[in-house]
Protein backbone atom coordinates (compact mmCIF):
# COMPACT_ATOMS: atom_id res chain seq x y z
CA UNK A 1 228.35 18.57 135.33
CA UNK A 2 228.10 21.49 132.89
CA UNK A 3 224.74 21.37 131.63
CA UNK A 4 225.26 20.31 128.05
CA UNK A 5 227.07 17.27 129.52
CA UNK A 6 225.15 14.03 129.08
CA UNK A 7 224.74 12.09 132.52
CA UNK A 8 226.41 8.44 132.43
CA UNK A 9 222.49 7.07 132.95
CA UNK A 10 221.29 8.43 129.60
CA UNK A 11 222.19 6.21 126.62
CA UNK A 12 222.11 7.89 122.92
CA UNK A 13 220.47 5.91 120.35
CA UNK A 14 221.30 7.58 116.98
CA UNK A 15 218.56 6.58 113.98
CA UNK A 16 219.37 6.80 110.27
CA UNK A 17 217.04 9.20 108.74
CA UNK A 18 214.50 8.08 106.72
CA UNK A 19 214.76 7.81 103.18
CA UNK A 20 212.41 8.39 100.38
CA UNK A 21 208.49 9.48 100.57
CA UNK A 22 208.87 8.82 104.21
CA UNK A 23 211.10 12.18 104.57
CA UNK A 24 209.98 15.29 106.65
CA UNK A 25 210.97 17.79 103.62
CA UNK A 26 209.85 15.62 100.63
CA UNK A 27 206.02 15.17 102.86
CA UNK A 28 206.22 19.13 103.18
CA UNK A 29 206.72 19.37 99.42
CA UNK A 30 204.04 16.40 98.79
CA UNK A 31 201.36 18.71 101.47
CA UNK A 32 202.32 22.14 99.44
CA UNK A 33 201.81 20.97 96.09
CA UNK A 34 198.69 18.94 97.57
CA UNK A 35 197.65 22.20 98.59
CA UNK A 36 198.01 24.23 96.01
CA UNK A 37 195.82 21.52 94.03
CA UNK A 38 192.86 22.64 96.63
CA UNK A 39 193.18 25.80 96.31
CA UNK A 40 193.10 25.57 92.64
CA UNK A 41 189.89 23.77 92.94
CA UNK A 42 188.85 26.41 95.05
CA UNK A 43 189.29 28.93 92.78
CA UNK A 44 187.10 27.18 90.47
CA UNK A 45 184.60 26.69 92.55
CA UNK A 46 184.29 30.34 92.99
CA UNK A 47 184.12 30.83 89.59
CA UNK A 48 181.43 28.03 89.07
CA UNK A 49 179.50 30.51 91.87
CA UNK A 50 179.48 33.63 90.02
CA UNK A 51 176.76 34.35 87.59
CA UNK A 52 176.66 37.50 86.04
CA UNK A 53 173.51 36.75 83.06
CA UNK A 54 171.80 37.48 86.40
CA UNK A 55 173.67 41.04 87.34
CA UNK A 56 171.26 43.93 86.11
CA UNK A 57 173.10 46.54 83.31
CA UNK A 58 174.10 48.36 86.21
CA UNK A 59 175.54 45.92 88.65
CA UNK A 60 177.60 45.19 85.66
CA UNK A 61 178.57 48.08 84.54
CA UNK A 62 179.99 49.24 87.86
CA UNK A 63 182.02 46.26 88.23
CA UNK A 64 183.19 46.61 85.34
CA UNK A 65 186.67 47.21 85.17
CA UNK A 66 187.31 45.68 88.28
CA UNK A 67 185.73 42.14 87.01
CA UNK A 68 187.74 42.80 83.23
CA UNK A 69 191.06 43.69 85.47
CA UNK A 70 190.91 40.53 87.37
CA UNK A 71 189.71 37.96 84.75
CA UNK A 72 192.86 39.53 82.93
CA UNK A 73 195.03 38.18 85.52
CA UNK A 74 192.70 34.84 85.99
CA UNK A 75 194.06 34.07 82.00
CA UNK A 76 197.10 35.66 82.64
CA UNK A 77 198.02 32.89 85.84
CA UNK A 78 195.97 29.90 84.17
CA UNK A 79 198.35 30.53 81.16
CA UNK A 80 201.35 30.52 83.14
CA UNK A 81 200.80 27.28 84.42
CA UNK A 82 199.86 25.93 81.49
CA UNK A 83 202.96 27.14 79.79
CA UNK A 84 205.25 25.54 82.29
CA UNK A 85 203.38 22.11 82.28
CA UNK A 86 204.04 22.02 78.27
CA UNK A 87 207.47 23.25 78.40
CA UNK A 88 208.34 19.59 80.69
CA UNK A 89 206.98 17.73 77.81
CA UNK A 90 203.48 17.28 79.45
CA UNK A 91 199.87 17.58 78.21
CA UNK A 92 197.42 19.41 79.20
CA UNK A 93 193.91 17.71 78.85
CA UNK A 94 190.45 18.06 79.13
CA UNK A 95 188.81 15.57 81.15
CA UNK A 96 186.87 12.98 80.16
CA UNK A 97 182.79 12.49 80.45
CA UNK A 98 181.73 10.68 82.92
């Protein structure tokens, strides 16, 4: 018997692939979306912890170029995502106060 021959004592069962949200590709995409939102929330938390008001002028001067470049990059990415959402006809609304 060759290695790719199936012994007669083994029965093969063919099951249909799940359809809908149980599909493995859909689950992967959903997980990627959830992870993307989690990373955005982490970025917001990181920015919440940044308080340049407590930096002395020397520290701010030393890091101003890097801070400026980073803030411009963040602004560009936020604008890109927001424009993509709006281009699909959705509105971006501020969350309601609790």
